[in-house]
Protein backbone atom coordinates (compact mmCIF):
# COMPACT_ATOMS: atom_id res chain seq x y z
CA MET A 1 -46.12 -13.02 -68.63
CA LYS A 2 -49.56 -12.93 -70.52
CA PHE A 3 -49.71 -12.68 -74.19
CA ARG A 4 -51.38 -9.18 -74.08
CA ASP A 5 -48.42 -8.02 -71.91
CA ILE A 6 -45.72 -9.57 -74.47
CA PHE A 7 -47.66 -7.86 -77.40
CA ILE A 8 -47.56 -4.31 -75.60
CA LEU A 9 -43.99 -4.68 -74.85
CA VAL A 10 -43.18 -5.69 -78.54
CA PHE A 11 -45.21 -2.88 -79.61
CA LEU A 12 -43.52 -0.23 -77.60
CA CYS A 13 -40.08 -1.64 -78.56
CA LEU A 14 -41.02 -1.29 -82.24
CA CYS A 15 -42.29 2.33 -81.42
CA ILE A 16 -39.05 3.28 -79.60
CA GLY A 17 -36.84 2.01 -82.42
CA TRP A 18 -39.06 3.69 -85.11
CA ASN A 19 -36.62 6.56 -85.78
CA TYR A 20 -33.52 4.69 -85.36
CA GLY A 21 -34.48 1.78 -87.63
CA CYS A 22 -36.13 3.42 -90.46
CA ASP A 23 -34.51 6.76 -91.67
CA LYS A 24 -37.61 7.22 -94.01
CA LYS A 25 -40.15 7.97 -91.14
CA THR A 26 -40.56 11.58 -90.67
CA SER A 27 -41.71 13.47 -87.38
CA ASP A 28 -45.26 13.59 -88.71
CA GLU A 29 -45.42 9.84 -88.99
CA ASN A 30 -43.99 9.40 -85.52
CA GLU A 31 -46.60 11.91 -84.28
CA ALA A 32 -49.26 9.48 -85.62
CA ILE A 33 -47.99 6.44 -83.58
CA LYS A 34 -50.69 6.12 -80.86
CA LEU A 35 -50.04 4.66 -77.42
CA ALA A 36 -53.51 5.17 -76.06
CA GLN A 37 -57.07 6.59 -76.49
CA VAL A 38 -59.55 7.81 -74.20
CA ASN A 39 -62.79 8.88 -76.01
CA ASP A 40 -61.72 11.02 -78.82
CA THR A 41 -58.35 11.97 -77.33
CA TYR A 42 -55.16 10.31 -78.28
CA LEU A 43 -51.76 9.94 -76.65
CA THR A 44 -48.93 9.73 -79.24
CA LEU A 45 -45.41 8.32 -78.88
CA GLN A 46 -43.94 11.62 -79.75
CA GLU A 47 -46.05 13.41 -77.04
CA ALA A 48 -45.02 10.85 -74.46
CA ARG A 49 -41.37 11.28 -75.64
CA ASN A 50 -41.62 14.91 -75.39
CA ASN A 51 -42.83 14.80 -71.71
CA ILE A 52 -40.82 12.15 -70.24
CA PRO A 53 -37.49 13.30 -68.64
CA ALA A 54 -34.43 12.03 -70.85
CA PHE A 55 -32.85 10.30 -67.74
CA LEU A 56 -35.87 8.21 -67.11
CA MET A 57 -35.88 7.19 -70.93
CA ALA A 58 -32.13 6.31 -70.77
CA GLN A 59 -32.76 4.14 -67.73
CA ASP A 60 -35.84 2.10 -68.89
CA SER A 61 -37.55 3.54 -71.95
CA ILE A 62 -40.28 0.65 -71.85
CA LYS A 63 -41.01 1.15 -68.26
CA ALA A 64 -40.99 5.09 -68.72
CA LEU A 65 -43.58 4.92 -71.43
CA GLN A 66 -45.70 2.39 -69.73
CA ASN A 67 -45.70 4.76 -66.57
CA TYR A 68 -46.47 7.71 -68.59
CA ARG A 69 -49.26 6.20 -70.46
CA LYS A 70 -50.86 4.81 -67.21
CA LYS A 71 -50.80 8.39 -65.65
CA TRP A 72 -51.95 10.05 -68.81
CA ILE A 73 -55.06 7.50 -68.98
CA GLN A 74 -55.87 8.28 -65.37
CA GLU A 75 -55.81 11.96 -65.97
CA GLN A 76 -57.78 11.70 -68.96
CA LEU A 77 -60.51 9.45 -67.13
CA LEU A 78 -60.56 11.94 -64.29
CA LEU A 79 -60.93 14.89 -66.72
CA THR A 80 -63.74 13.17 -68.45
CA GLU A 81 -65.48 12.56 -65.16
CA ALA A 82 -65.04 16.19 -64.17
CA HIS A 83 -66.61 17.27 -67.48
CA LYS A 84 -69.60 14.94 -66.95
CA LYS A 85 -70.18 16.35 -63.32
CA GLN A 86 -70.12 19.69 -64.97
CA LEU A 87 -67.36 20.94 -62.35
CA MET A 88 -65.86 23.36 -64.95
CA LYS A 89 -69.02 25.60 -64.51
CA GLN A 90 -68.64 26.00 -60.86
CA ALA A 91 -67.76 29.67 -60.03
CA LYS A 92 -64.79 28.44 -57.82
CA VAL A 93 -63.33 26.22 -60.59
CA GLN A 94 -63.85 29.09 -63.13
CA LYS A 95 -62.04 31.57 -60.95
CA GLN A 96 -59.15 29.08 -60.43
CA LEU A 97 -58.97 28.18 -64.09
CA ALA A 98 -58.82 32.03 -64.91
CA GLN A 99 -55.99 32.56 -62.36
CA ALA A 100 -54.02 29.49 -63.67
CA GLN A 101 -54.52 31.03 -67.19
CA ASP A 102 -53.29 34.48 -66.01
CA GLN A 103 -50.13 32.97 -64.44
CA ILE A 104 -49.23 30.93 -67.50
CA ALA A 105 -49.69 33.99 -69.75
CA ILE A 106 -47.33 35.94 -67.30
CA GLN A 107 -44.78 33.33 -67.03
CA ALA A 108 -44.85 33.06 -71.08
CA LEU A 109 -44.20 36.70 -71.25
CA LYS A 110 -41.29 36.69 -68.60
CA GLU A 111 -39.71 33.86 -70.59
CA SER A 112 -39.97 35.80 -73.72
CA ILE A 113 -38.34 38.72 -72.12
CA MET A 114 -35.51 36.61 -70.66
CA ALA A 115 -34.80 35.07 -74.02
CA ARG A 116 -34.38 38.43 -75.54
CA PHE A 117 -32.03 39.46 -72.71
CA ASN A 118 -29.96 36.09 -72.96
CA GLN A 119 -29.38 36.92 -76.65
CA ASP A 120 -28.03 40.42 -75.95
CA GLU A 121 -26.37 40.33 -72.66
CA THR A 122 -23.01 39.04 -71.44
CA VAL A 123 -20.57 39.36 -68.55
CA THR A 124 -17.04 40.08 -69.47
CA ASP A 125 -13.91 38.94 -67.57
CA GLN A 126 -13.17 42.53 -66.97
CA GLU A 127 -16.50 43.18 -65.41
CA VAL A 128 -15.82 40.18 -62.97
CA ARG A 129 -12.48 41.68 -62.16
CA ASN A 130 -13.82 45.08 -61.47
CA TYR A 131 -16.45 43.68 -59.24
CA TYR A 132 -13.86 41.57 -57.37
CA GLU A 133 -11.68 44.84 -56.71
CA GLU A 134 -14.68 46.79 -55.59
CA HIS A 135 -15.96 44.10 -53.12
CA LYS A 136 -12.69 42.57 -51.84
CA GLU A 137 -13.79 43.11 -48.12
CA GLU A 138 -16.99 41.22 -48.72
CA LEU A 139 -15.16 38.37 -50.38
CA LYS A 140 -12.72 37.45 -47.49
CA LEU A 141 -12.35 33.93 -46.58
CA ARG A 142 -14.04 32.72 -43.42
CA GLN A 143 -11.60 29.95 -42.88
CA ARG A 144 -8.14 28.71 -43.86
CA TYR A 145 -7.83 27.33 -47.46
CA ILE A 146 -5.21 24.76 -48.38
CA GLN A 147 -3.66 23.57 -51.72
CA PHE A 148 -1.90 20.23 -51.26
CA ARG A 149 -0.74 17.04 -52.87
CA HIS A 150 -1.74 13.54 -51.56
CA ILE A 151 -0.09 10.24 -52.58
CA ALA A 152 -1.69 6.97 -51.47
CA THR A 153 -0.16 3.68 -52.14
CA LYS A 154 -0.44 0.12 -50.78
CA ASN A 155 3.47 -0.21 -51.43
CA ILE A 156 5.86 1.05 -48.83
CA GLU A 157 8.69 1.26 -51.48
CA ALA A 158 6.42 3.33 -53.71
CA ALA A 159 5.68 5.54 -50.73
CA ARG A 160 9.28 6.25 -50.15
CA ALA A 161 10.05 6.81 -53.81
CA ALA A 162 7.20 9.31 -54.05
CA HIS A 163 8.35 11.04 -50.89
CA GLU A 164 11.86 11.49 -52.19
CA GLU A 165 10.68 12.76 -55.54
CA LEU A 166 8.34 15.21 -54.02
CA GLU A 167 11.12 16.62 -51.73
CA GLU A 168 13.43 16.96 -54.82
CA GLY A 169 10.66 18.89 -56.85
CA GLY A 170 9.65 16.18 -59.05
CA ALA A 171 6.88 17.03 -61.65
CA TRP A 172 3.71 16.40 -59.63
CA PRO A 173 1.49 14.77 -62.25
CA ALA A 174 4.25 12.34 -63.18
CA VAL A 175 4.82 11.34 -59.41
CA ALA A 176 1.11 10.89 -58.85
CA PHE A 177 0.48 8.70 -61.84
CA THR A 178 3.75 6.72 -61.19
CA TYR A 179 3.00 5.97 -57.47
CA SER A 180 -0.49 6.72 -56.34
CA ILE A 181 -3.65 4.86 -56.51
CA GLU A 182 -6.65 7.01 -57.83
CA ALA A 183 -3.94 9.10 -59.43
CA GLU A 184 -6.35 11.05 -61.65
CA GLU A 185 -8.40 12.19 -58.80
CA LYS A 186 -5.21 13.24 -56.92
CA VAL A 187 -4.01 15.29 -59.60
CA GLN A 188 -7.28 17.19 -60.03
CA GLN A 189 -7.59 17.74 -56.27
CA ALA A 190 -4.08 19.18 -56.13
CA GLN A 191 -5.17 21.87 -58.72
CA LYS A 192 -7.53 23.74 -56.19
CA TYR A 193 -7.45 25.28 -52.76
CA TRP A 194 -9.76 23.54 -50.15
CA PRO A 195 -11.34 24.59 -46.93
CA GLN A 196 -9.08 23.08 -44.16
CA THR A 197 -12.31 21.58 -42.44
CA VAL A 198 -13.11 19.49 -45.51
CA ILE A 199 -9.99 17.76 -46.54
CA LEU A 200 -8.69 14.31 -45.80
CA ASN A 201 -11.49 13.51 -43.43
CA GLU A 202 -11.02 9.94 -44.51
CA VAL A 203 -7.26 10.05 -43.20
CA PRO A 204 -7.51 11.72 -39.84
CA VAL A 205 -3.85 11.46 -39.13
CA MET A 206 -2.91 13.28 -42.38
CA LYS A 207 -5.59 15.87 -41.74
CA GLU A 208 -3.81 16.81 -38.49
CA LEU A 209 -0.29 16.70 -40.17
CA LEU A 210 -0.98 18.82 -43.12
CA PRO A 211 -1.62 22.27 -41.46
CA SER A 212 1.77 22.10 -39.38
CA LEU A 213 3.92 21.77 -42.64
CA GLU A 214 5.53 24.84 -44.32
CA SER A 215 4.94 25.52 -48.07
CA GLY A 216 6.63 22.86 -49.94
CA GLN A 217 7.32 20.56 -47.18
CA VAL A 218 6.44 17.00 -47.39
CA SER A 219 5.11 14.96 -44.50
CA ALA A 220 6.33 11.81 -43.00
CA ILE A 221 4.93 8.59 -44.41
CA GLN A 222 1.99 7.25 -42.63
CA GLN A 223 0.12 3.97 -42.79
CA VAL A 224 -3.77 3.83 -42.36
CA LYS A 225 -5.49 0.44 -42.87
CA GLY A 226 -2.76 -0.97 -45.22
CA VAL A 227 -2.36 2.11 -47.29
CA TYR A 228 0.69 4.45 -47.06
CA HIS A 229 0.03 8.14 -47.30
CA VAL A 230 2.23 11.10 -48.04
CA VAL A 231 0.92 14.76 -48.30
CA GLN A 232 2.93 18.03 -49.50
CA LEU A 233 1.74 21.33 -48.66
CA VAL A 234 1.75 23.60 -51.78
CA ASP A 235 0.19 26.84 -50.59
CA THR A 236 -2.30 28.21 -48.14
CA GLN A 237 -4.84 31.36 -48.07
CA GLU A 238 -5.31 32.47 -44.35
CA ARG A 239 -8.66 33.19 -42.90
CA GLY A 240 -9.64 37.03 -43.42
CA THR A 241 -7.71 37.25 -46.75
CA ALA A 242 -9.54 37.86 -50.08
CA ALA A 243 -10.32 34.89 -52.04
CA LYS A 244 -8.31 34.55 -55.26
CA PRO A 245 -10.06 35.86 -58.18
CA ASP A 246 -9.60 32.90 -60.17
CA TRP A 247 -11.58 30.84 -57.64
CA LEU A 248 -14.44 33.18 -57.95
CA MET A 249 -14.50 33.86 -61.72
CA LYS A 250 -17.09 31.35 -62.61
CA GLU A 251 -19.30 32.00 -59.84
CA LEU A 252 -19.12 35.80 -59.91
CA LYS A 253 -19.72 35.76 -63.52
CA LYS A 254 -22.99 33.63 -63.14
CA TRP A 255 -24.24 35.82 -60.21
CA LEU A 256 -23.60 39.02 -62.27
CA LEU A 257 -25.40 37.65 -65.25
CA ALA A 258 -28.30 36.85 -62.77
CA GLU A 259 -28.18 40.51 -61.51
CA LYS A 260 -28.23 41.83 -64.96
CA ARG A 261 -31.19 39.64 -65.77
CA ARG A 262 -33.15 40.89 -62.62
CA LYS A 263 -32.44 44.44 -63.56
CA TYR A 264 -33.40 44.01 -67.14
CA TYR A 265 -36.70 42.41 -66.10
CA ASN A 266 -37.40 45.15 -63.38
CA SER A 267 -36.83 47.81 -66.01
CA TYR A 268 -39.17 46.28 -68.44
CA VAL A 269 -41.85 46.14 -65.66
CA LYS A 270 -41.24 49.73 -64.63
CA ASN A 271 -41.54 50.76 -68.34
CA LEU A 272 -45.04 48.83 -68.67
CA TYR A 273 -45.99 51.00 -65.41
CA PHE A 274 -44.86 54.23 -66.80
CA ASN A 275 -46.55 53.69 -70.23
CA ALA A 276 -49.76 52.65 -68.48
CA GLU A 277 -49.75 55.82 -66.33
CA SER A 278 -48.90 57.90 -69.44
CA ASN A 279 -51.75 56.44 -71.35
CA ASN A 280 -54.26 56.85 -68.50
CA GLU A 281 -54.68 53.02 -68.36
CA LEU A 282 -53.71 52.90 -64.72
CA LYS A 283 -55.21 54.34 -61.77
CA VAL A 284 -54.26 53.95 -57.97
CA PHE A 285 -56.79 54.77 -55.48
CA ASP A 286 -55.68 55.83 -52.00
CA VAL A 287 -58.18 53.78 -50.04
CA LEU A 288 -55.51 52.08 -47.81
CA THR A 289 -54.65 55.27 -45.93
CA ILE A 290 -58.36 56.06 -45.50
CA THR A 291 -59.24 52.66 -44.28
CA THR A 292 -56.28 52.61 -41.88
CA SER A 293 -57.10 55.97 -40.46
CA THR A 294 -60.81 54.85 -40.00
CA LYS A 295 -59.63 51.83 -38.08
CA THR A 296 -57.39 53.93 -35.89
CA ASP A 297 -59.97 56.36 -35.02
CA SER A 298 -62.40 53.57 -34.22
CA VAL A 299 -59.88 52.02 -31.82
CA ASN A 300 -59.10 55.26 -30.10
CA ALA A 301 -62.80 56.05 -29.62
CA ASN A 302 -63.26 52.60 -28.03
CA LYS A 303 -60.33 53.13 -25.70
CA SER A 304 -61.81 56.67 -24.69
CA ASN A 305 -65.07 55.06 -23.93
CA ASP A 306 -63.43 52.49 -21.74
């Protein structure tokens, strides 16, 4: 590695650790740390940090800063060249800049409106339950859902003991943590209902056994690639029945909040429209009907001549 590259790496390391190693450094001082300069424009460490995604900084902060600096320099050089060629004065570029500026302003207003909405609006559990009751028909399951328990162990004696305890009604988490590999995953898995088509695909023999069981019944022990498996059917929800409200509570709440947000924004836009009409700031000219009628008459006339 060249001396210049080593110096750059050391410098960047010092810059990254500035806030951590020196409590007296203020944000203003960090803002003054420069990573690059093109003409009279500087790239500061703080600006780079603000624009680099956190996960990239976490993976390799030095590389992330180097890549961002390289990209920034390229953009500044291209921008300088564009100014030299006076491209900004071209009518096409001026129009595109104006359109971009308009879109940024509209987006900023929309974000401001939504920020106000987010402060004032929530969705209560009761609203979700009411929606669920009103739309049960639309929320019917399209396939069978199954809640089950799964023990997997490399020890046949452990499989037999787990099988016996499950049949006797032993406490599920204790059975899983005592006998099963990946016990925590198995316990979490058993807390939910799953579409029958997605469960136990890695153990086809158990996938086939499970639907044939009665609620509470424990399957026979099956060995697959040196691992002994036991499953117990806890409960089922058949195709065509309404999904349980607890399954949908979180998703319905998010959907209802999004719906409220959409209505809030549309109402705001309608008010702008109404106020503009009331203040004679808005006029709509009915030229579309006239233009369409003229074209239709012209087509009919041509057909007559033919």
